[in-house]
Amino acid sequence: MTDGPETADADAGEYLPDDVGAVRSALVEWYETDHREYPWRETTDPYPILVSEVMSQQTQLDRVVDAWRDFLEAWPTVAALAAADRADVVAFWTDHSLGYNNRAKYLHEAARQVTEEFDGEFPETPDGLQELMGVGPYTANAVASFAFDNGDAVVDTNVERVLYRAFDVPDDDAAFERVAGALMPDGESRVWNNAIMELGGVACEKTPRCDEAGCPWRAWCHAYETGDFTAPDVPTQPSFEGSRRQMRGRVVRVLGEHDDLPLDELGPRVRVDYAPDGEYGREWLRGLLDDLADDGLVDVEERDGEAVARLRR
């Protein structure tokens, strides 16, 4: 592997050891010797890589594997996904408990963009990939890295934790970006980003497993030397049970099983304690439907003086 620039910018260099080349080599050798085997790591096809990235945004990787395989069995190519009925894609997302359903909508729309606007070929740069619906900077950079070896240094919560502990980088987004960029060898974003994310996910978890996982950076690690394994706070997710997110998912799932439903027929299928004029009644249900309509997932129309909801096709 190449060592990349011998000197990082001054702001990043103050946090890094002098032997940056040895730090890089140790991590890549550790990763290539043994790492978790996820199927999307065995391909450079941007379509399945994009699917894996979108699925894993709010879901543990081990839980994503089966859903990812099922998704690609249903829609094996970007053209197949583009031609799919959006309601089927959203229903799949809900059935597999993959989080916010608008991600399914955006993934479907991105597939249409690739086929209709890019002649079936994915953009190969982070900036180009961000032109796709729902693809933000992090996802774009990940796909550029893992599909085309053409990305920048990935910085997620795991990477921030690694840099904070190993090199005493302050809890500052700009500092994390600078140090991560200085560490990554030029032109090797695929292996490097996989390796440093693996380090954060296997050895440098919230509860570190330095020795058990054979962390390759123990010789340079500030936390390992001092015994202080504090790290930046990680935001906690609100409880899912009974949440609006759960109820929105139920609305989508129920509507996926029917062409359309009046509100008073939909409501009891979403909450058993639905009462038209109660706390969880028409006003509450209409709020969920308005949110879903804003996301482009649901349509509500008046029919014979009654509000009727259906999935947007």
Protein backbone atom coordinates (compact mmCIF):
# COMPACT_ATOMS: atom_id res chain seq x y z
CA MET A 1 0.00 0.00 0.00
CA THR A 2 1.10 3.61 -0.49
CA ASP A 3 1.67 5.88 2.45
CA GLY A 4 0.13 8.93 0.84
CA PRO A 5 1.37 12.42 1.77
CA GLU A 6 4.22 12.34 4.28
CA THR A 7 2.95 15.46 6.02
CA ALA A 8 -0.65 16.23 6.89
CA ASP A 9 -1.87 19.76 7.36
CA ALA A 10 -0.66 21.31 10.59
CA ASP A 11 -4.03 21.08 12.35
CA ALA A 12 -4.26 17.32 11.76
CA GLY A 13 -0.55 16.62 12.18
CA GLU A 14 -0.50 17.76 15.79
CA TYR A 15 -2.68 14.79 16.73
CA LEU A 16 -0.94 12.08 14.72
CA PRO A 17 2.18 10.11 15.62
CA ASP A 18 5.32 10.68 13.59
CA ASP A 19 5.22 7.22 12.03
CA VAL A 20 1.88 7.66 10.22
CA GLY A 21 2.93 5.08 7.62
CA ALA A 22 3.26 2.42 10.30
CA VAL A 23 -0.15 3.37 11.72
CA ARG A 24 -1.73 2.94 8.30
CA SER A 25 -0.03 -0.34 7.56
CA ALA A 26 -0.94 -1.82 10.95
CA LEU A 27 -4.64 -1.09 10.46
CA VAL A 28 -4.87 -2.39 6.90
CA GLU A 29 -2.94 -5.57 7.75
CA TRP A 30 -5.22 -6.18 10.74
CA TYR A 31 -8.31 -5.73 8.58
CA GLU A 32 -7.09 -7.88 5.71
CA THR A 33 -6.06 -10.69 8.08
CA ASP A 34 -9.52 -11.07 9.60
CA HIS A 35 -12.73 -9.05 9.37
CA ARG A 36 -16.47 -9.54 9.50
CA GLU A 37 -17.71 -10.95 6.22
CA TYR A 38 -20.70 -9.02 4.94
CA PRO A 39 -21.90 -9.85 1.41
CA TRP A 40 -21.83 -6.23 0.22
CA ARG A 41 -18.09 -6.20 0.97
CA GLU A 42 -17.65 -8.85 -1.72
CA THR A 43 -18.87 -6.66 -4.58
CA THR A 44 -17.95 -3.39 -6.25
CA ASP A 45 -21.39 -3.02 -7.86
CA PRO A 46 -22.73 0.36 -6.65
CA TYR A 47 -26.37 -0.77 -6.62
CA PRO A 48 -26.16 -3.44 -3.88
CA ILE A 49 -23.68 -1.24 -2.01
CA LEU A 50 -26.16 1.66 -2.04
CA VAL A 51 -28.91 -0.69 -0.81
CA SER A 52 -26.70 -1.84 2.08
CA GLU A 53 -25.80 1.72 3.04
CA VAL A 54 -29.41 2.90 3.09
CA MET A 55 -30.55 -0.17 5.05
CA SER A 56 -27.81 0.16 7.67
CA GLN A 57 -28.51 3.81 8.54
CA GLN A 58 -30.60 2.90 11.59
CA THR A 59 -30.17 -0.88 11.72
CA GLN A 60 -27.38 -3.10 13.04
CA LEU A 61 -25.35 -4.70 10.26
CA ASP A 62 -26.07 -8.27 11.35
CA ARG A 63 -29.80 -7.58 11.01
CA VAL A 64 -29.36 -6.04 7.57
CA VAL A 65 -27.90 -9.15 5.90
CA ASP A 66 -31.16 -11.11 5.46
CA ALA A 67 -33.14 -8.03 4.43
CA TRP A 68 -30.43 -7.06 1.92
CA ARG A 69 -30.47 -10.53 0.36
CA ASP A 70 -34.27 -10.57 0.20
CA PHE A 71 -34.32 -7.10 -1.37
CA LEU A 72 -31.85 -8.08 -4.09
CA GLU A 73 -33.76 -11.29 -4.73
CA ALA A 74 -36.88 -9.19 -5.34
CA TRP A 75 -35.11 -6.46 -7.34
CA PRO A 76 -31.71 -7.78 -8.46
CA THR A 77 -30.70 -4.76 -10.54
CA VAL A 78 -31.15 -1.03 -10.39
CA ALA A 79 -33.37 -1.28 -13.48
CA ALA A 80 -35.59 -3.84 -11.74
CA LEU A 81 -35.99 -1.56 -8.74
CA ALA A 82 -36.74 1.43 -10.95
CA ALA A 83 -39.52 -0.55 -12.66
CA ALA A 84 -41.02 -1.77 -9.37
CA ASP A 85 -44.25 -0.50 -7.86
CA ARG A 86 -43.26 1.94 -5.12
CA ALA A 87 -45.94 0.56 -2.81
CA ASP A 88 -44.26 -2.87 -3.00
CA VAL A 89 -40.89 -1.36 -2.09
CA VAL A 90 -42.37 0.53 0.87
CA ALA A 91 -44.23 -2.59 2.03
CA PHE A 92 -40.97 -4.57 1.91
CA TRP A 93 -39.28 -1.90 4.04
CA THR A 94 -42.04 -2.04 6.63
CA ASP A 95 -42.20 -5.84 6.72
CA HIS A 96 -38.44 -6.01 7.37
CA SER A 97 -38.51 -3.31 10.10
CA LEU A 98 -35.91 -1.19 8.32
CA GLY A 99 -36.83 2.14 9.90
CA TYR A 100 -38.24 5.23 8.29
CA ASN A 101 -40.25 4.31 5.21
CA ASN A 102 -39.25 7.43 3.29
CA ARG A 103 -35.86 5.77 2.80
CA ALA A 104 -37.60 3.15 0.66
CA LYS A 105 -39.25 5.91 -1.34
CA TYR A 106 -35.93 7.71 -1.86
CA LEU A 107 -34.12 4.50 -2.83
CA HIS A 108 -36.79 3.75 -5.40
CA GLU A 109 -36.58 7.28 -6.79
CA ALA A 110 -32.77 7.11 -6.91
CA ALA A 111 -33.04 3.93 -8.98
CA ARG A 112 -35.31 5.75 -11.40
CA GLN A 113 -32.81 8.60 -11.66
CA VAL A 114 -29.97 6.20 -12.45
CA THR A 115 -31.95 4.51 -15.21
CA GLU A 116 -33.61 7.60 -16.68
CA GLU A 117 -31.10 10.40 -16.10
CA PHE A 118 -27.76 8.57 -16.03
CA ASP A 119 -28.36 5.89 -18.68
CA GLY A 120 -28.23 3.12 -16.09
CA GLU A 121 -24.75 4.06 -14.84
CA PHE A 122 -24.14 5.32 -11.31
CA PRO A 123 -22.15 8.54 -10.82
CA GLU A 124 -18.69 7.65 -9.49
CA THR A 125 -17.86 10.64 -7.30
CA PRO A 126 -19.29 11.72 -3.94
CA ASP A 127 -20.58 14.95 -5.50
CA GLY A 128 -22.18 13.09 -8.40
CA LEU A 129 -23.82 10.52 -6.15
CA GLN A 130 -25.39 13.28 -4.05
CA GLU A 131 -27.53 14.14 -7.05
CA LEU A 132 -29.51 10.98 -6.34
CA MET A 133 -32.65 11.30 -4.22
CA GLY A 134 -32.03 10.74 -0.51
CA VAL A 135 -28.27 10.28 -0.91
CA GLY A 136 -26.50 12.62 1.50
CA PRO A 137 -22.78 13.30 1.91
CA TYR A 138 -22.05 10.27 4.08
CA THR A 139 -23.87 7.73 1.89
CA ALA A 140 -22.46 9.27 -1.29
CA ASN A 141 -18.93 9.05 0.05
CA ALA A 142 -19.42 5.46 1.22
CA VAL A 143 -20.71 4.33 -2.19
CA ALA A 144 -17.91 6.21 -3.99
CA SER A 145 -15.40 4.53 -1.68
CA PHE A 146 -16.66 0.97 -1.70
CA ALA A 147 -17.85 0.78 -5.32
CA PHE A 148 -15.31 2.97 -7.11
CA ASP A 149 -12.40 3.39 -4.64
CA ASN A 150 -12.98 7.07 -5.24
CA GLY A 151 -14.11 8.51 -1.92
CA ASP A 152 -12.86 10.66 0.91
CA ALA A 153 -12.27 9.48 4.46
CA VAL A 154 -15.53 8.25 6.02
CA VAL A 155 -16.34 9.85 9.35
CA ASP A 156 -19.17 8.26 11.32
CA THR A 157 -19.77 7.76 15.04
CA ASN A 158 -17.46 4.73 15.15
CA VAL A 159 -14.64 6.57 13.39
CA GLU A 160 -15.02 9.58 15.67
CA ARG A 161 -14.77 7.31 18.71
CA VAL A 162 -11.59 5.71 17.34
CA LEU A 163 -9.91 9.04 16.60
CA TYR A 164 -10.96 10.53 19.93
CA ARG A 165 -9.51 7.65 21.89
CA ALA A 166 -6.48 6.74 19.80
CA PHE A 167 -5.10 10.19 19.02
CA ASP A 168 -6.84 12.42 21.57
CA VAL A 169 -8.65 14.35 18.83
CA PRO A 170 -11.08 16.84 20.38
CA ASP A 171 -14.81 16.30 20.06
CA ASP A 172 -15.13 18.63 17.10
CA ASP A 173 -16.54 17.73 13.67
CA ALA A 174 -13.96 19.77 11.76
CA ALA A 175 -11.08 18.22 13.71
CA PHE A 176 -12.40 14.70 13.07
CA GLU A 177 -12.69 15.45 9.34
CA ARG A 178 -9.15 16.83 9.14
CA VAL A 179 -7.51 13.98 11.02
CA ALA A 180 -9.50 11.30 9.20
CA GLY A 181 -8.51 12.83 5.87
CA ALA A 182 -4.85 13.07 6.84
CA LEU A 183 -4.78 9.43 7.93
CA MET A 184 -6.31 7.90 4.80
CA PRO A 185 -3.73 6.83 2.17
CA ASP A 186 -4.24 8.46 -1.21
CA GLY A 187 -6.37 6.45 -3.61
CA GLU A 188 -7.21 3.70 -1.14
CA SER A 189 -10.59 4.73 0.21
CA ARG A 190 -12.14 1.28 -0.28
CA VAL A 191 -9.84 -0.71 2.00
CA TRP A 192 -9.12 2.17 4.38
CA ASN A 193 -12.71 3.15 5.12
CA ASN A 194 -13.70 -0.49 5.56
CA ALA A 195 -10.76 -1.00 7.91
CA ILE A 196 -11.26 2.00 10.18
CA MET A 197 -15.01 1.38 10.40
CA GLU A 198 -14.27 -2.25 11.29
CA LEU A 199 -11.92 -1.06 14.02
CA GLY A 200 -14.68 1.06 15.53
CA GLY A 201 -17.24 -1.71 15.23
CA VAL A 202 -15.13 -4.60 16.54
CA ALA A 203 -12.32 -3.35 18.80
CA CYS A 204 -13.17 0.22 19.77
CA GLU A 205 -16.84 -0.15 20.63
CA LYS A 206 -18.45 1.83 23.43
CA THR A 207 -17.00 -0.85 25.70
CA PRO A 208 -13.53 -1.34 24.17
CA ARG A 209 -12.12 -4.79 23.36
CA CYS A 210 -8.54 -3.74 22.69
CA ASP A 211 -6.75 -6.97 23.58
CA GLU A 212 -9.53 -9.41 22.71
CA ALA A 213 -9.84 -7.96 19.20
CA GLY A 214 -6.10 -7.47 18.80
CA CYS A 215 -6.46 -3.74 18.14
CA PRO A 216 -3.61 -2.78 15.80
CA TRP A 217 -3.29 0.73 17.23
CA ARG A 218 -2.54 -0.16 20.84
CA ALA A 219 1.07 0.99 20.50
CA TRP A 220 -0.07 4.52 19.59
CA CYS A 221 -3.41 4.73 21.43
CA HIS A 222 -3.81 7.50 23.99
CA ALA A 223 -6.75 5.75 25.67
CA TYR A 224 -4.90 2.42 25.89
CA GLU A 225 -1.93 4.16 27.49
CA THR A 226 -3.91 6.20 30.02
CA GLY A 227 -6.83 3.84 30.69
CA ASP A 228 -9.27 6.67 29.92
CA PHE A 229 -11.75 5.23 27.41
CA THR A 230 -14.26 8.06 27.45
CA ALA A 231 -15.63 9.07 24.04
CA PRO A 232 -18.04 11.57 22.53
CA ASP A 233 -21.64 11.07 23.56
CA VAL A 234 -23.75 9.01 21.18
CA PRO A 235 -27.34 10.25 20.76
CA THR A 236 -29.90 7.74 21.99
CA GLN A 237 -32.89 6.77 19.89
CA PRO A 238 -36.36 7.42 21.32
CA SER A 239 -38.38 4.40 22.32
CA PHE A 240 -39.92 2.76 19.25
CA GLU A 241 -42.83 1.05 20.98
CA GLY A 242 -45.90 3.28 20.71
CA SER A 243 -43.98 6.01 18.87
CA ARG A 244 -45.26 7.98 15.89
CA ARG A 245 -42.63 6.19 13.81
CA GLN A 246 -44.16 2.83 14.75
CA MET A 247 -47.68 4.09 14.03
CA ARG A 248 -46.62 5.53 10.66
CA GLY A 249 -45.18 2.13 9.79
CA ARG A 250 -48.45 0.44 10.72
CA VAL A 251 -50.41 2.86 8.51
CA VAL A 252 -48.17 2.04 5.53
CA ARG A 253 -48.38 -1.70 6.18
CA VAL A 254 -52.20 -1.67 6.48
CA LEU A 255 -52.65 0.46 3.37
CA GLY A 256 -50.30 -1.87 1.52
CA GLU A 257 -52.86 -4.63 2.09
CA HIS A 258 -55.83 -2.61 0.78
CA ASP A 259 -56.51 -0.43 -2.24
CA ASP A 260 -57.80 2.30 0.04
CA LEU A 261 -59.53 2.69 3.40
CA PRO A 262 -61.77 5.29 5.06
CA LEU A 263 -60.19 6.73 8.19
CA ASP A 264 -62.57 4.96 10.57
CA GLU A 265 -61.72 1.60 8.99
CA LEU A 266 -58.00 2.34 8.93
CA GLY A 267 -57.80 3.61 12.50
CA PRO A 268 -58.67 0.38 14.40
CA ARG A 269 -56.16 -1.52 12.27
CA VAL A 270 -53.45 0.88 13.42
CA ARG A 271 -54.40 1.13 17.12
CA VAL A 272 -56.81 -1.16 18.90
CA ASP A 273 -57.87 1.78 21.11
CA TYR A 274 -58.76 3.99 18.14
CA ALA A 275 -61.94 5.99 18.74
CA PRO A 276 -63.08 8.52 16.12
CA ASP A 277 -63.48 11.36 18.63
CA GLY A 278 -60.94 10.15 21.20
CA GLU A 279 -57.30 10.93 21.95
CA TYR A 280 -56.29 8.46 19.26
CA GLY A 281 -59.03 9.30 16.80
CA ARG A 282 -59.55 10.99 13.46
CA GLU A 283 -57.49 14.09 14.31
CA TRP A 284 -54.55 11.97 15.50
CA LEU A 285 -54.77 9.65 12.48
CA ARG A 286 -55.07 12.58 10.06
CA GLY A 287 -51.83 13.95 11.52
CA LEU A 288 -50.02 10.69 10.73
CA LEU A 289 -51.47 10.69 7.22
CA ASP A 290 -50.45 14.32 6.63
CA ASP A 291 -46.88 13.45 7.61
CA LEU A 292 -46.86 10.48 5.25
CA ALA A 293 -48.38 12.59 2.48
CA ASP A 294 -45.58 15.16 2.94
CA ASP A 295 -43.10 12.29 2.50
CA GLY A 296 -44.81 11.31 -0.74
CA LEU A 297 -46.03 7.96 0.59
CA VAL A 298 -49.80 8.43 1.07
CA ASP A 299 -52.70 10.26 -0.59
CA VAL A 300 -55.87 11.31 1.25
CA GLU A 301 -58.98 12.34 -0.67
CA GLU A 302 -62.56 13.20 0.16
CA ARG A 303 -65.05 10.70 -1.23
CA ASP A 304 -68.78 10.99 -0.57
CA GLY A 305 -68.08 13.25 2.40
CA GLU A 306 -65.56 10.82 3.91
CA ALA A 307 -61.75 10.97 4.01
CA VAL A 308 -60.15 7.95 2.30
CA ALA A 309 -56.44 7.06 2.44
CA ARG A 310 -54.32 5.03 0.04
CA LEU A 311 -50.65 4.46 -0.71
CA ARG A 312 -49.29 6.73 -3.42
CA ARG A 313 -48.44 4.74 -6.53
